[in-house]
Amino acid sequence: MAEMLTAAIVAVLVTASFPLYLYGAWIVIDAETVTWDVLIHHLKYIAVALALTTVPMVAWMIPRAFDQWGPMLAVHIFFGLQAYALLLVALTGIVRIFQVKWQSDLYRDPDEDVDINELHEHMSAWRWRLRIGVFGYLLFWLLAYVVGMVRFAYEYLVLARYLP
């Protein structure tokens, strides 16, 4: 029973992260210019969302994984690893974009007439990496989430009926 309660809490935490990802993305999409304040506001939501997903995974899911090995877990792990791999791809773009914008002082003194692609010869490639990484992360996160929720429903809701 304690394991079922823990699993339910983990499911709620991971579920709660998705609206934070969406709102964090909306903050940047909705901003005409990404200033330092907009960036920090965006990162607060994204950091909480990542924590709500990553902490339960590291603290509870991974330690239990090898005791529950099966095809659904393998698919869940595959999608989850793809999500985090694409997050790393996004971070390689984010870091370089941040460095160039910081050196150009565009966070503290935004100039709306500056074409961001003209700040560095590789800026368009970094922005492409960022977009692909974020889109891929969310896609594979959703796939891992669906598989995880199916596993949760089967293991804790369906099987719980048949246990004494």
C-alpha atoms as a PDB file:
ATOM      1  CA  MET A   1       0.000   0.000   0.000  1.00  0.00           C
ATOM      2  CA  ALA A   2       2.860   2.403   0.805  1.00  0.00           C
ATOM      3  CA  GLU A   3       4.398   1.734  -2.603  1.00  0.00           C
ATOM      4  CA  MET A   4       1.090   2.502  -4.306  1.00  0.00           C
ATOM      5  CA  LEU A   5       0.833   5.799  -2.411  1.00  0.00           C
ATOM      6  CA  THR A   6       4.403   6.707  -3.361  1.00  0.00           C
ATOM      7  CA  ALA A   7       3.682   5.826  -6.994  1.00  0.00           C
ATOM      8  CA  ALA A   8       0.573   8.021  -6.932  1.00  0.00           C
ATOM      9  CA  ILE A   9       2.527  10.945  -5.477  1.00  0.00           C
ATOM     10  CA  VAL A  10       5.220  10.521  -8.151  1.00  0.00           C
ATOM     11  CA  ALA A  11       2.538  10.416 -10.861  1.00  0.00           C
ATOM     12  CA  VAL A  12       1.006  13.646  -9.527  1.00  0.00           C
ATOM     13  CA  LEU A  13       4.406  15.380  -9.370  1.00  0.00           C
ATOM     14  CA  VAL A  14       5.336  14.402 -12.913  1.00  0.00           C
ATOM     15  CA  THR A  15       1.864  15.365 -14.156  1.00  0.00           C
ATOM     16  CA  ALA A  16       2.178  18.759 -12.451  1.00  0.00           C
ATOM     17  CA  SER A  17       5.370  19.494 -14.376  1.00  0.00           C
ATOM     18  CA  PHE A  18       3.701  19.583 -17.805  1.00  0.00           C
ATOM     19  CA  PRO A  19       1.682  22.803 -17.343  1.00  0.00           C
ATOM     20  CA  LEU A  20       4.849  24.435 -16.002  1.00  0.00           C
ATOM     21  CA  TYR A  21       6.751  23.443 -19.162  1.00  0.00           C
ATOM     22  CA  LEU A  22       3.965  24.885 -21.292  1.00  0.00           C
ATOM     23  CA  TYR A  23       3.742  28.129 -19.334  1.00  0.00           C
ATOM     24  CA  GLY A  24       7.529  28.500 -19.295  1.00  0.00           C
ATOM     25  CA  ALA A  25       7.581  28.105 -23.063  1.00  0.00           C
ATOM     26  CA  TRP A  26       4.683  30.537 -23.447  1.00  0.00           C
ATOM     27  CA  ILE A  27       6.587  33.223 -21.511  1.00  0.00           C
ATOM     28  CA  VAL A  28       9.357  33.227 -24.133  1.00  0.00           C
ATOM     29  CA  ILE A  29       7.039  32.786 -27.119  1.00  0.00           C
ATOM     30  CA  ASP A  30       4.803  35.649 -25.972  1.00  0.00           C
ATOM     31  CA  ALA A  31       7.665  38.087 -25.296  1.00  0.00           C
ATOM     32  CA  GLU A  32       8.510  40.435 -28.143  1.00  0.00           C
ATOM     33  CA  THR A  33      12.061  40.687 -26.833  1.00  0.00           C
ATOM     34  CA  VAL A  34      13.676  38.230 -24.436  1.00  0.00           C
ATOM     35  CA  THR A  35      15.129  40.484 -21.750  1.00  0.00           C
ATOM     36  CA  TRP A  36      16.983  39.335 -18.664  1.00  0.00           C
ATOM     37  CA  ASP A  37      13.780  39.561 -16.588  1.00  0.00           C
ATOM     38  CA  VAL A  38      11.827  37.516 -19.148  1.00  0.00           C
ATOM     39  CA  LEU A  39      14.595  34.907 -19.238  1.00  0.00           C
ATOM     40  CA  ILE A  40      14.702  34.592 -15.435  1.00  0.00           C
ATOM     41  CA  HIS A  41      10.891  34.411 -15.226  1.00  0.00           C
ATOM     42  CA  HIS A  42      10.921  31.670 -17.895  1.00  0.00           C
ATOM     43  CA  LEU A  43      13.705  29.717 -16.186  1.00  0.00           C
ATOM     44  CA  LYS A  44      11.895  29.698 -12.834  1.00  0.00           C
ATOM     45  CA  TYR A  45       9.031  27.701 -14.350  1.00  0.00           C
ATOM     46  CA  ILE A  46      11.281  25.437 -16.412  1.00  0.00           C
ATOM     47  CA  ALA A  47      13.544  24.686 -13.421  1.00  0.00           C
ATOM     48  CA  VAL A  48      10.578  23.705 -11.245  1.00  0.00           C
ATOM     49  CA  ALA A  49       9.167  21.534 -14.048  1.00  0.00           C
ATOM     50  CA  LEU A  50      12.522  19.798 -14.527  1.00  0.00           C
ATOM     51  CA  ALA A  51      12.798  19.236 -10.772  1.00  0.00           C
ATOM     52  CA  LEU A  52       9.273  17.778 -10.602  1.00  0.00           C
ATOM     53  CA  THR A  53      10.237  15.305 -13.317  1.00  0.00           C
ATOM     54  CA  THR A  54      13.884  14.570 -12.514  1.00  0.00           C
ATOM     55  CA  VAL A  55      13.845  14.260  -8.713  1.00  0.00           C
ATOM     56  CA  PRO A  56      11.185  11.493  -8.622  1.00  0.00           C
ATOM     57  CA  MET A  57      12.961   9.743 -11.481  1.00  0.00           C
ATOM     58  CA  VAL A  58      16.350   9.731  -9.751  1.00  0.00           C
ATOM     59  CA  ALA A  59      15.076   9.166  -6.218  1.00  0.00           C
ATOM     60  CA  TRP A  60      12.343   6.609  -6.840  1.00  0.00           C
ATOM     61  CA  MET A  61      12.015   5.333 -10.427  1.00  0.00           C
ATOM     62  CA  ILE A  62      15.617   4.442 -11.277  1.00  0.00           C
ATOM     63  CA  PRO A  63      16.373   2.555  -8.017  1.00  0.00           C
ATOM     64  CA  ARG A  64      13.293   0.365  -8.594  1.00  0.00           C
ATOM     65  CA  ALA A  65      13.744  -0.174 -12.334  1.00  0.00           C
ATOM     66  CA  PHE A  66      15.720  -3.407 -12.323  1.00  0.00           C
ATOM     67  CA  ASP A  67      13.276  -5.080  -9.940  1.00  0.00           C
ATOM     68  CA  GLN A  68      10.424  -4.424 -12.386  1.00  0.00           C
ATOM     69  CA  TRP A  69      12.120  -5.125 -15.699  1.00  0.00           C
ATOM     70  CA  GLY A  70       9.735  -5.790 -18.587  1.00  0.00           C
ATOM     71  CA  PRO A  71       8.841  -4.589 -22.078  1.00  0.00           C
ATOM     72  CA  MET A  72       6.764  -1.596 -20.925  1.00  0.00           C
ATOM     73  CA  LEU A  73       9.543  -0.438 -18.629  1.00  0.00           C
ATOM     74  CA  ALA A  74      12.043  -0.777 -21.487  1.00  0.00           C
ATOM     75  CA  VAL A  75       9.853   1.430 -23.699  1.00  0.00           C
ATOM     76  CA  HIS A  76       9.367   3.905 -20.846  1.00  0.00           C
ATOM     77  CA  ILE A  77      13.132   4.099 -20.261  1.00  0.00           C
ATOM     78  CA  PHE A  78      13.830   4.414 -24.002  1.00  0.00           C
ATOM     79  CA  PHE A  79      11.482   7.386 -24.397  1.00  0.00           C
ATOM     80  CA  GLY A  80      12.772   8.981 -21.193  1.00  0.00           C
ATOM     81  CA  LEU A  81      16.402   8.676 -22.294  1.00  0.00           C
ATOM     82  CA  GLN A  82      15.541  10.172 -25.682  1.00  0.00           C
ATOM     83  CA  ALA A  83      13.855  13.099 -23.923  1.00  0.00           C
ATOM     84  CA  TYR A  84      16.909  13.854 -21.795  1.00  0.00           C
ATOM     85  CA  ALA A  85      19.254  13.390 -24.773  1.00  0.00           C
ATOM     86  CA  LEU A  86      17.284  15.992 -26.701  1.00  0.00           C
ATOM     87  CA  LEU A  87      17.316  18.265 -23.661  1.00  0.00           C
ATOM     88  CA  LEU A  88      21.115  18.123 -23.877  1.00  0.00           C
ATOM     89  CA  VAL A  89      20.891  19.057 -27.568  1.00  0.00           C
ATOM     90  CA  ALA A  90      18.744  22.055 -26.598  1.00  0.00           C
ATOM     91  CA  LEU A  91      21.224  23.041 -23.891  1.00  0.00           C
ATOM     92  CA  THR A  92      24.101  23.110 -26.398  1.00  0.00           C
ATOM     93  CA  GLY A  93      22.153  25.749 -28.308  1.00  0.00           C
ATOM     94  CA  ILE A  94      20.927  27.625 -25.237  1.00  0.00           C
ATOM     95  CA  VAL A  95      24.400  28.034 -23.754  1.00  0.00           C
ATOM     96  CA  ARG A  96      25.895  29.491 -26.934  1.00  0.00           C
ATOM     97  CA  ILE A  97      22.919  31.807 -27.570  1.00  0.00           C
ATOM     98  CA  PHE A  98      23.096  33.004 -23.972  1.00  0.00           C
ATOM     99  CA  GLN A  99      26.843  33.683 -24.238  1.00  0.00           C
ATOM    100  CA  VAL A 100      26.517  35.733 -27.416  1.00  0.00           C
ATOM    101  CA  LYS A 101      23.506  37.721 -26.182  1.00  0.00           C
ATOM    102  CA  TRP A 102      25.256  38.351 -22.850  1.00  0.00           C
ATOM    103  CA  GLN A 103      28.437  39.558 -24.581  1.00  0.00           C
ATOM    104  CA  SER A 104      26.324  41.836 -26.762  1.00  0.00           C
ATOM    105  CA  ASP A 105      24.508  43.132 -23.637  1.00  0.00           C
ATOM    106  CA  LEU A 106      21.138  42.295 -25.185  1.00  0.00           C
ATOM    107  CA  TYR A 107      19.617  41.064 -21.936  1.00  0.00           C
ATOM    108  CA  ARG A 108      20.136  44.279 -19.992  1.00  0.00           C
ATOM    109  CA  ASP A 109      19.819  46.702 -22.903  1.00  0.00           C
ATOM    110  CA  PRO A 110      17.622  45.009 -25.516  1.00  0.00           C
ATOM    111  CA  ASP A 111      17.739  46.459 -29.012  1.00  0.00           C
ATOM    112  CA  GLU A 112      14.707  45.335 -30.967  1.00  0.00           C
ATOM    113  CA  ASP A 113      16.327  46.364 -34.255  1.00  0.00           C
ATOM    114  CA  VAL A 114      19.162  43.848 -33.889  1.00  0.00           C
ATOM    115  CA  ASP A 115      18.793  40.699 -35.965  1.00  0.00           C
ATOM    116  CA  ILE A 116      19.851  37.969 -33.557  1.00  0.00           C
ATOM    117  CA  ASN A 117      21.236  35.892 -36.445  1.00  0.00           C
ATOM    118  CA  GLU A 118      23.734  38.664 -37.203  1.00  0.00           C
ATOM    119  CA  LEU A 119      25.318  38.477 -33.746  1.00  0.00           C
ATOM    120  CA  HIS A 120      27.327  35.376 -34.608  1.00  0.00           C
ATOM    121  CA  GLU A 121      27.909  33.319 -37.737  1.00  0.00           C
ATOM    122  CA  HIS A 122      26.562  30.153 -36.051  1.00  0.00           C
ATOM    123  CA  MET A 123      23.526  31.727 -34.367  1.00  0.00           C
ATOM    124  CA  SER A 124      20.980  30.193 -36.756  1.00  0.00           C
ATOM    125  CA  ALA A 125      22.462  26.717 -36.142  1.00  0.00           C
ATOM    126  CA  TRP A 126      22.301  27.221 -32.367  1.00  0.00           C
ATOM    127  CA  ARG A 127      18.712  28.424 -32.568  1.00  0.00           C
ATOM    128  CA  TRP A 128      17.862  25.390 -34.720  1.00  0.00           C
ATOM    129  CA  ARG A 129      19.471  23.111 -32.097  1.00  0.00           C
ATOM    130  CA  LEU A 130      17.449  24.822 -29.392  1.00  0.00           C
ATOM    131  CA  ARG A 131      14.158  24.394 -31.265  1.00  0.00           C
ATOM    132  CA  ILE A 132      14.792  20.761 -32.219  1.00  0.00           C
ATOM    133  CA  GLY A 133      15.971  19.940 -28.700  1.00  0.00           C
ATOM    134  CA  VAL A 134      12.991  21.536 -26.960  1.00  0.00           C
ATOM    135  CA  PHE A 135      10.465  20.059 -29.388  1.00  0.00           C
ATOM    136  CA  GLY A 136      12.100  16.623 -29.161  1.00  0.00           C
ATOM    137  CA  TYR A 137      12.306  16.796 -25.378  1.00  0.00           C
ATOM    138  CA  LEU A 138       8.603  17.575 -25.069  1.00  0.00           C
ATOM    139  CA  LEU A 139       7.629  14.937 -27.634  1.00  0.00           C
ATOM    140  CA  PHE A 140       9.607  12.158 -25.958  1.00  0.00           C
ATOM    141  CA  TRP A 141       8.629  13.417 -22.495  1.00  0.00           C
ATOM    142  CA  LEU A 142       4.965  13.053 -23.481  1.00  0.00           C
ATOM    143  CA  LEU A 143       5.566   9.565 -24.893  1.00  0.00           C
ATOM    144  CA  ALA A 144       7.415   8.495 -21.725  1.00  0.00           C
ATOM    145  CA  TYR A 145       4.655  10.057 -19.628  1.00  0.00           C
ATOM    146  CA  VAL A 146       1.901   8.141 -21.438  1.00  0.00           C
ATOM    147  CA  VAL A 147       3.785   4.847 -21.129  1.00  0.00           C
ATOM    148  CA  GLY A 148       4.493   5.587 -17.459  1.00  0.00           C
ATOM    149  CA  MET A 149       0.842   6.330 -16.742  1.00  0.00           C
ATOM    150  CA  VAL A 150      -0.222   3.117 -18.503  1.00  0.00           C
ATOM    151  CA  ARG A 151       2.294   1.215 -16.365  1.00  0.00           C
ATOM    152  CA  PHE A 152       0.981   2.970 -13.238  1.00  0.00           C
ATOM    153  CA  ALA A 153      -2.643   2.169 -14.096  1.00  0.00           C
ATOM    154  CA  TYR A 154      -1.875  -1.454 -14.869  1.00  0.00           C
ATOM    155  CA  GLU A 155       0.430  -2.119 -11.932  1.00  0.00           C
ATOM    156  CA  TYR A 156      -1.319  -0.187  -9.185  1.00  0.00           C
ATOM    157  CA  LEU A 157      -4.938   0.123 -10.260  1.00  0.00           C
ATOM    158  CA  VAL A 158      -5.700  -3.033 -12.263  1.00  0.00           C
ATOM    159  CA  LEU A 159      -3.505  -5.480 -10.341  1.00  0.00           C
ATOM    160  CA  ALA A 160      -4.486  -3.961  -6.982  1.00  0.00           C
ATOM    161  CA  ARG A 161      -7.970  -5.440  -7.408  1.00  0.00           C
ATOM    162  CA  TYR A 162      -6.561  -8.959  -7.417  1.00  0.00           C
ATOM    163  CA  LEU A 163      -4.210  -8.644  -4.466  1.00  0.00           C
ATOM    164  CA  PRO A 164      -5.364  -9.603  -0.978  1.00  0.00           C
END
